[in-house]
Amino acid sequence: MKLKIAVLSGDGIGPEVMEQGINVLKAIAKKFDHQFDYEEAIVGAHAIDEVGDPYPEATHEVCMRADAVLFAAVGDLKYDNDPTSPVRPEQGLLAMRKKLGLFANVRPVATFDCLIHKSPLKDELLRGADFVVIRELTGGMYFGEKYQDNDKAYDTDIYTRPEIERILKVAFEMARNRRKHLTVVDKANVLASSRLWRQIAKEMEPAYPDVTTDYMFIDNASMRVLTEPRFFDVIVTENTFGDILTDETSCITGSMGLQPSSSLGLHTPLFEPVHGSWPQAAGQNRANPLAQILSAAMLLEHFGLSAEGTLVREAVDASLEALVRTPEIQAEGGATYGTREVGQWIVDYINNK
């Protein structure tokens, strides 16, 4: 198979973890006789520094002519520490999602048996947890009308019927292909936008009679993903709730450095780790590359390359079992491995299979 892949490394630890993700894809391409062509583009703080725009038009053109986008992270302390800055790295990520029409963010949440002890949650709650959070990605407060002066500010949480219907369709169909259980998360007791979500979900339910659908307020859901994670199969929710909920689920995996994701929609699909740019660790060879590598596995699987994706996941599992891990997930007394060393071990595993 031939694939054109846009490579957006971004800021902070982004270039380091991206290097390992690309090395894994190169190993897969060689082993399975594929041709993957890569085109790099700037985004985030890096792009602001170079051209004054966190998602310049040239980068968008690279993404549009690619078959897939592999993205790492954006964010920089100089912008985090200046709330008055009119241009911010994160605006690049929002602009990319909007211009590519990436309305469905898919974040799998699963446990690794050898890392359950790294979670703050009890083993008996976690073992066997396996669910997917589908977050609406281009609507809600992040994109609604905004205003701020010295005395007043507001963000408008707006959704339209077509926006809600298309994300719910993705969620119902994914539930149908998994364990046939969908949980719609909202705040319908308070928010009008949530009431519209719930109304439309109930209208769509009869079209999916094989799927058990339930409804849960976001505050209850935030508690139950940590106290009853095995209850869930597929969760669907709006943008802001999904952003917070999916970061919370890092307590289940034991580290945000283990969570990949995909963003799907109208144009080029995007694959990215859930974690941020961690600028404090940039250049120190200690960032966990596994979420980036697992995002590459999701990219492969999206194009029907299931054996290739399975081999990448097998290599990641083997590295964890062999205690080839970055410091934040290493077992007590385990050797020290950096970003490059973990990535190289996984490449060697693939090459030797």
Protein backbone atom coordinates (compact mmCIF):
# COMPACT_ATOMS: atom_id res chain seq x y z
CA MET A 1 0.00 0.00 0.00
CA LYS A 2 1.10 3.56 -0.71
CA LEU A 3 0.25 6.25 1.84
CA LYS A 4 1.12 9.93 2.05
CA ILE A 5 1.48 10.93 5.68
CA ALA A 6 1.62 14.54 6.88
CA VAL A 7 3.95 14.79 9.88
CA LEU A 8 3.16 17.56 12.38
CA SER A 9 5.60 17.22 15.29
CA GLY A 10 4.66 20.51 16.95
CA ASP A 11 6.20 21.66 20.21
CA GLY A 12 7.91 20.45 23.36
CA ILE A 13 8.40 16.69 23.40
CA GLY A 14 6.51 16.43 20.11
CA PRO A 15 9.56 16.06 17.82
CA GLU A 16 11.10 13.40 20.10
CA VAL A 17 8.06 11.14 20.29
CA MET A 18 7.24 11.73 16.63
CA GLU A 19 10.67 10.47 15.62
CA GLN A 20 9.92 7.16 17.29
CA GLY A 21 6.47 6.92 15.73
CA ILE A 22 7.94 7.47 12.26
CA ASN A 23 10.72 4.95 12.91
CA VAL A 24 8.09 2.34 13.77
CA LEU A 25 6.11 3.12 10.60
CA LYS A 26 9.29 2.81 8.55
CA ALA A 27 9.99 -0.59 10.08
CA ILE A 28 6.43 -1.71 9.31
CA ALA A 29 6.65 -0.43 5.73
CA LYS A 30 9.87 -2.35 5.15
CA LYS A 31 8.58 -5.57 6.69
CA PHE A 32 5.23 -5.58 4.85
CA ASP A 33 6.46 -4.02 1.61
CA HIS A 34 4.49 -0.78 1.84
CA GLN A 35 5.46 2.68 0.65
CA PHE A 36 4.85 5.44 3.18
CA ASP A 37 5.87 8.93 2.08
CA TYR A 38 6.22 11.66 4.72
CA GLU A 39 5.83 15.42 4.42
CA GLU A 40 6.61 17.57 7.45
CA ALA A 41 4.81 20.80 8.35
CA ILE A 42 4.89 23.29 11.20
CA VAL A 43 2.15 23.85 13.79
CA GLY A 44 1.68 25.40 17.22
CA ALA A 45 4.27 27.61 18.92
CA HIS A 46 6.85 26.56 16.34
CA ALA A 47 4.63 27.92 13.58
CA ILE A 48 3.88 31.13 15.51
CA ASP A 49 7.58 31.76 15.92
CA GLU A 50 8.24 31.17 12.22
CA VAL A 51 5.24 32.74 10.48
CA GLY A 52 2.97 34.19 13.18
CA ASP A 53 0.19 31.64 12.63
CA PRO A 54 -0.25 28.42 14.67
CA TYR A 55 -1.81 26.61 11.67
CA PRO A 56 -0.57 28.33 8.51
CA GLU A 57 -2.18 27.77 5.16
CA ALA A 58 0.91 25.92 3.91
CA THR A 59 0.47 23.37 6.70
CA HIS A 60 -3.20 22.97 5.86
CA GLU A 61 -2.29 22.27 2.23
CA VAL A 62 0.15 19.56 3.36
CA CYS A 63 -2.62 17.97 5.44
CA MET A 64 -5.20 18.13 2.65
CA ARG A 65 -2.99 16.37 0.10
CA ALA A 66 -2.05 13.62 2.57
CA ASP A 67 -3.91 10.37 3.21
CA ALA A 68 -3.40 10.78 6.97
CA VAL A 69 -1.96 13.23 9.47
CA LEU A 70 0.31 12.01 12.26
CA PHE A 71 0.37 14.74 14.91
CA ALA A 72 2.27 15.01 18.19
CA ALA A 73 1.52 18.00 20.46
CA VAL A 74 1.35 21.79 20.71
CA GLY A 75 1.96 24.14 23.62
CA ASP A 76 4.71 26.32 25.06
CA LEU A 77 5.29 27.80 28.49
CA LYS A 78 5.75 31.33 27.19
CA TYR A 79 2.13 31.27 26.01
CA ASP A 80 0.82 29.36 29.03
CA ASN A 81 2.26 32.08 31.26
CA ASP A 82 0.79 34.94 29.22
CA PRO A 83 -3.03 34.76 29.29
CA THR A 84 -3.25 38.02 27.33
CA SER A 85 -1.48 36.64 24.26
CA PRO A 86 -3.83 37.06 21.26
CA VAL A 87 -2.29 34.12 19.37
CA ARG A 88 -1.77 30.79 21.11
CA PRO A 89 -0.39 27.40 20.00
CA GLU A 90 -3.62 25.60 20.89
CA GLN A 91 -5.49 27.75 18.37
CA GLY A 92 -3.56 25.87 15.71
CA LEU A 93 -5.01 22.55 16.88
CA LEU A 94 -8.54 23.97 16.93
CA ALA A 95 -8.09 25.49 13.49
CA MET A 96 -6.77 22.21 12.10
CA ARG A 97 -9.76 20.29 13.46
CA LYS A 98 -12.18 22.85 12.05
CA LYS A 99 -10.60 23.17 8.60
CA LEU A 100 -10.19 19.41 8.19
CA GLY A 101 -13.73 18.84 9.46
CA LEU A 102 -12.52 16.46 12.18
CA PHE A 103 -15.69 16.24 14.21
CA ALA A 104 -15.20 12.81 15.86
CA ASN A 105 -12.36 12.20 18.29
CA VAL A 106 -11.98 8.51 19.15
CA ARG A 107 -10.02 7.68 22.29
CA PRO A 108 -9.69 4.03 23.33
CA VAL A 109 -9.18 3.37 27.05
CA ALA A 110 -7.78 -0.01 28.08
CA THR A 111 -5.60 -1.43 30.82
CA PHE A 112 -2.21 -3.07 30.55
CA ASP A 113 -2.07 -5.86 33.14
CA CYS A 114 1.62 -5.25 33.88
CA LEU A 115 0.91 -1.56 34.60
CA ILE A 116 -2.23 -1.76 36.71
CA HIS A 117 -0.12 -1.03 39.80
CA LYS A 118 0.74 2.36 38.28
CA SER A 119 -2.87 3.49 38.47
CA PRO A 120 -4.12 5.18 41.65
CA LEU A 121 -7.24 3.02 41.36
CA LYS A 122 -7.72 -0.43 42.90
CA ASP A 123 -6.78 -3.45 40.81
CA GLU A 124 -10.18 -5.07 41.16
CA LEU A 125 -11.85 -2.00 39.65
CA LEU A 126 -9.50 -1.77 36.69
CA ARG A 127 -8.69 -5.21 35.43
CA GLY A 128 -10.54 -5.84 32.17
CA ALA A 129 -11.65 -2.24 31.60
CA ASP A 130 -11.92 -1.60 27.88
CA PHE A 131 -14.01 1.24 26.45
CA VAL A 132 -13.94 4.03 23.88
CA VAL A 133 -14.76 7.70 24.37
CA ILE A 134 -16.09 9.52 21.30
CA ARG A 135 -15.80 13.27 21.75
CA GLU A 136 -17.44 15.80 19.45
CA LEU A 137 -14.55 17.94 18.31
CA THR A 138 -15.63 20.99 16.31
CA GLY A 139 -18.57 22.48 18.22
CA GLY A 140 -19.56 23.63 21.69
CA MET A 141 -17.89 26.28 23.82
CA TYR A 142 -14.49 25.88 22.16
CA PHE A 143 -15.91 27.20 18.89
CA GLY A 144 -18.93 29.24 19.97
CA GLU A 145 -19.08 33.03 20.19
CA LYS A 146 -16.70 34.45 22.79
CA TYR A 147 -16.29 37.77 24.59
CA GLN A 148 -13.93 39.13 27.24
CA ASP A 149 -13.27 42.50 28.82
CA ASN A 150 -11.94 43.44 32.26
CA ASP A 151 -15.29 42.82 33.96
CA LYS A 152 -17.14 40.22 31.91
CA ALA A 153 -16.47 37.18 29.76
CA TYR A 154 -18.56 34.48 28.15
CA ASP A 155 -18.27 31.43 25.91
CA THR A 156 -21.29 30.21 23.97
CA ASP A 157 -22.03 26.47 24.07
CA ILE A 158 -23.80 26.05 20.74
CA TYR A 159 -24.71 22.89 18.84
CA THR A 160 -26.89 22.28 15.80
CA ARG A 161 -28.93 19.19 14.96
CA PRO A 162 -26.66 18.09 12.06
CA GLU A 163 -23.57 18.34 14.30
CA ILE A 164 -25.20 16.18 16.97
CA GLU A 165 -26.67 13.65 14.55
CA ARG A 166 -23.38 12.95 12.78
CA ILE A 167 -21.38 12.32 15.99
CA LEU A 168 -24.16 10.17 17.45
CA LYS A 169 -24.20 8.12 14.23
CA VAL A 170 -20.48 7.42 14.67
CA ALA A 171 -21.09 6.40 18.30
CA PHE A 172 -24.08 4.14 17.63
CA GLU A 173 -22.25 2.36 14.82
CA MET A 174 -19.11 1.87 16.90
CA ALA A 175 -21.18 0.46 19.76
CA ARG A 176 -22.88 -1.88 17.29
CA ASN A 177 -19.45 -3.23 16.30
CA ARG A 178 -18.24 -3.61 19.88
CA ARG A 179 -20.30 -4.83 22.86
CA LYS A 180 -23.50 -3.00 21.80
CA HIS A 181 -23.67 -0.61 24.75
CA LEU A 182 -23.69 3.18 24.31
CA THR A 183 -23.65 5.78 27.08
CA VAL A 184 -24.61 9.34 26.14
CA VAL A 185 -23.01 11.79 28.57
CA ASP A 186 -24.54 15.24 28.98
CA LYS A 187 -25.81 17.79 31.53
CA ALA A 188 -29.44 17.80 30.39
CA ASN A 189 -30.75 18.82 33.82
CA VAL A 190 -29.07 22.23 33.44
CA LEU A 191 -27.93 22.95 29.87
CA ALA A 192 -30.22 23.53 26.90
CA SER A 193 -27.55 22.26 24.50
CA SER A 194 -27.43 18.98 26.44
CA ARG A 195 -31.20 18.64 26.28
CA LEU A 196 -30.99 18.83 22.50
CA TRP A 197 -28.27 16.13 22.54
CA ARG A 198 -30.49 13.86 24.63
CA GLN A 199 -33.58 14.55 22.52
CA ILE A 200 -31.80 13.66 19.28
CA ALA A 201 -30.16 10.57 20.79
CA LYS A 202 -33.56 9.30 21.87
CA GLU A 203 -34.92 9.96 18.38
CA MET A 204 -32.08 7.90 16.87
CA GLU A 205 -32.32 4.99 19.34
CA PRO A 206 -34.99 3.04 17.41
CA ALA A 207 -32.68 2.81 14.38
CA TYR A 208 -30.22 0.82 16.54
CA PRO A 209 -32.41 -1.71 18.38
CA ASP A 210 -29.43 -4.02 18.97
CA VAL A 211 -27.62 -1.31 20.99
CA THR A 212 -28.45 -0.75 24.66
CA THR A 213 -28.43 3.02 25.17
CA ASP A 214 -28.27 4.79 28.51
CA TYR A 215 -27.84 8.40 29.58
CA MET A 216 -25.62 9.84 32.26
CA PHE A 217 -24.90 13.34 33.57
CA ILE A 218 -21.28 14.39 33.21
CA ASP A 219 -20.71 14.66 36.97
CA ASN A 220 -21.93 11.10 37.49
CA ALA A 221 -19.95 9.86 34.48
CA SER A 222 -16.78 11.51 35.79
CA MET A 223 -17.14 9.50 38.99
CA ARG A 224 -18.16 6.21 37.40
CA VAL A 225 -15.34 6.01 34.84
CA LEU A 226 -13.05 5.79 37.87
CA THR A 227 -15.21 3.66 40.17
CA GLU A 228 -16.90 1.39 37.58
CA PRO A 229 -14.79 1.58 34.40
CA ARG A 230 -15.89 -1.89 33.27
CA PHE A 231 -19.49 -0.64 33.02
CA PHE A 232 -18.69 1.31 29.85
CA ASP A 233 -18.32 0.19 26.26
CA VAL A 234 -18.76 3.34 24.14
CA ILE A 235 -19.21 6.82 25.59
CA VAL A 236 -20.26 9.77 23.42
CA THR A 237 -20.27 13.37 24.61
CA GLU A 238 -19.80 16.99 23.60
CA ASN A 239 -16.50 18.80 23.17
CA THR A 240 -15.79 20.29 26.61
CA PHE A 241 -17.04 17.31 28.60
CA GLY A 242 -15.10 14.95 26.34
CA ASP A 243 -11.88 16.90 26.74
CA ILE A 244 -12.01 16.64 30.53
CA LEU A 245 -13.34 13.08 30.66
CA THR A 246 -10.66 11.65 28.37
CA ASP A 247 -7.85 13.24 30.37
CA GLU A 248 -9.39 11.74 33.51
CA THR A 249 -9.20 8.28 31.97
CA SER A 250 -5.39 8.44 32.12
CA CYS A 251 -5.87 7.27 35.72
CA ILE A 252 -7.09 3.98 34.26
CA THR A 253 -4.13 3.33 31.97
CA GLY A 254 -1.68 4.64 34.56
CA SER A 255 -0.15 7.29 32.30
CA MET A 256 -1.26 9.74 29.61
CA GLY A 257 1.84 8.56 27.76
CA LEU A 258 -0.04 5.35 26.89
CA GLN A 259 -3.16 6.81 25.28
CA PRO A 260 -3.51 7.20 21.50
CA SER A 261 -6.41 8.72 19.61
CA SER A 262 -7.81 9.38 16.18
CA SER A 263 -9.86 12.28 14.84
CA LEU A 264 -12.16 11.52 11.92
CA GLY A 265 -14.44 13.60 9.77
CA LEU A 266 -14.82 15.24 6.38
CA HIS A 267 -11.23 15.31 5.14
CA THR A 268 -7.86 13.80 6.12
CA PRO A 269 -7.99 11.67 9.29
CA LEU A 270 -5.61 12.61 12.09
CA PHE A 271 -3.86 10.39 14.63
CA GLU A 272 -2.31 11.76 17.82
CA PRO A 273 -1.35 10.93 21.39
CA VAL A 274 -3.64 12.26 24.10
CA HIS A 275 -0.81 13.85 26.08
CA GLY A 276 0.36 17.43 25.72
CA SER A 277 3.68 18.96 24.77
CA TRP A 278 5.33 18.78 28.25
CA PRO A 279 7.77 21.60 27.40
CA GLN A 280 9.65 21.12 30.68
CA ALA A 281 10.94 17.76 29.41
CA ALA A 282 11.74 18.80 25.84
CA GLY A 283 15.11 17.54 24.63
CA GLN A 284 15.72 15.40 27.71
CA ASN A 285 15.02 11.97 26.17
CA ARG A 286 12.57 10.99 28.92
CA ALA A 287 9.15 11.37 27.29
CA ASN A 288 7.14 8.19 26.80
CA PRO A 289 6.77 7.51 23.04
CA LEU A 290 4.20 4.72 23.37
CA ALA A 291 1.09 6.88 22.84
CA GLN A 292 2.64 8.23 19.64
CA ILE A 293 3.55 4.72 18.51
CA LEU A 294 0.06 3.42 19.34
CA SER A 295 -1.40 6.35 17.39
CA ALA A 296 0.64 5.10 14.43
CA ALA A 297 -0.95 1.67 14.99
CA MET A 298 -4.40 3.29 14.84
CA LEU A 299 -3.37 4.95 11.56
CA LEU A 300 -2.40 1.58 10.09
CA GLU A 301 -5.64 -0.05 11.23
CA HIS A 302 -7.71 2.82 9.81
CA PHE A 303 -6.47 1.85 6.34
CA GLY A 304 -7.22 -1.83 6.86
CA LEU A 305 -3.67 -2.83 7.74
CA SER A 306 -4.77 -4.93 10.70
CA ALA A 307 -1.79 -7.33 10.77
CA GLU A 308 0.56 -4.35 10.77
CA GLY A 309 -1.31 -2.61 13.57
CA THR A 310 -1.43 -5.83 15.57
CA LEU A 311 2.35 -6.24 15.27
CA VAL A 312 2.91 -2.70 16.56
CA ARG A 313 0.62 -3.36 19.54
CA GLU A 314 2.37 -6.68 20.17
CA ALA A 315 5.73 -4.89 20.18
CA VAL A 316 4.46 -2.27 22.64
CA ASP A 317 3.08 -4.98 24.94
CA ALA A 318 6.38 -6.86 24.73
CA SER A 319 8.37 -3.75 25.62
CA LEU A 320 6.25 -3.20 28.71
CA GLU A 321 6.55 -6.83 29.79
CA ALA A 322 10.34 -6.66 29.25
CA LEU A 323 10.48 -3.53 31.49
CA VAL A 324 11.74 -1.41 28.61
CA ARG A 325 9.94 1.66 29.87
CA THR A 326 10.46 5.38 30.38
CA PRO A 327 10.82 6.50 34.02
CA GLU A 328 7.22 7.42 34.82
CA ILE A 329 6.00 3.84 34.25
CA GLN A 330 9.13 1.89 35.13
CA ALA A 331 8.94 -0.79 37.82
CA GLU A 332 10.93 -0.30 40.99
CA GLY A 333 14.53 -1.30 40.37
CA GLY A 334 14.04 -1.36 36.59
CA ALA A 335 16.69 -0.04 34.24
CA THR A 336 16.57 3.48 32.86
CA TYR A 337 15.33 3.82 29.28
CA GLY A 338 14.78 7.03 27.38
CA THR A 339 12.50 7.96 24.51
CA ARG A 340 14.99 6.83 21.88
CA GLU A 341 15.84 3.57 23.61
CA VAL A 342 12.21 2.52 23.98
CA GLY A 343 11.50 3.38 20.36
CA GLN A 344 14.55 1.48 19.11
CA TRP A 345 13.61 -1.61 21.15
CA ILE A 346 10.19 -1.65 19.51
CA VAL A 347 11.71 -1.19 16.03
CA ASP A 348 14.11 -4.08 16.72
CA TYR A 349 11.21 -6.26 17.88
CA ILE A 350 9.33 -5.57 14.63
CA ASN A 351 12.43 -6.22 12.52
CA ASN A 352 13.09 -9.54 14.22
CA LYS A 353 9.55 -10.96 13.96
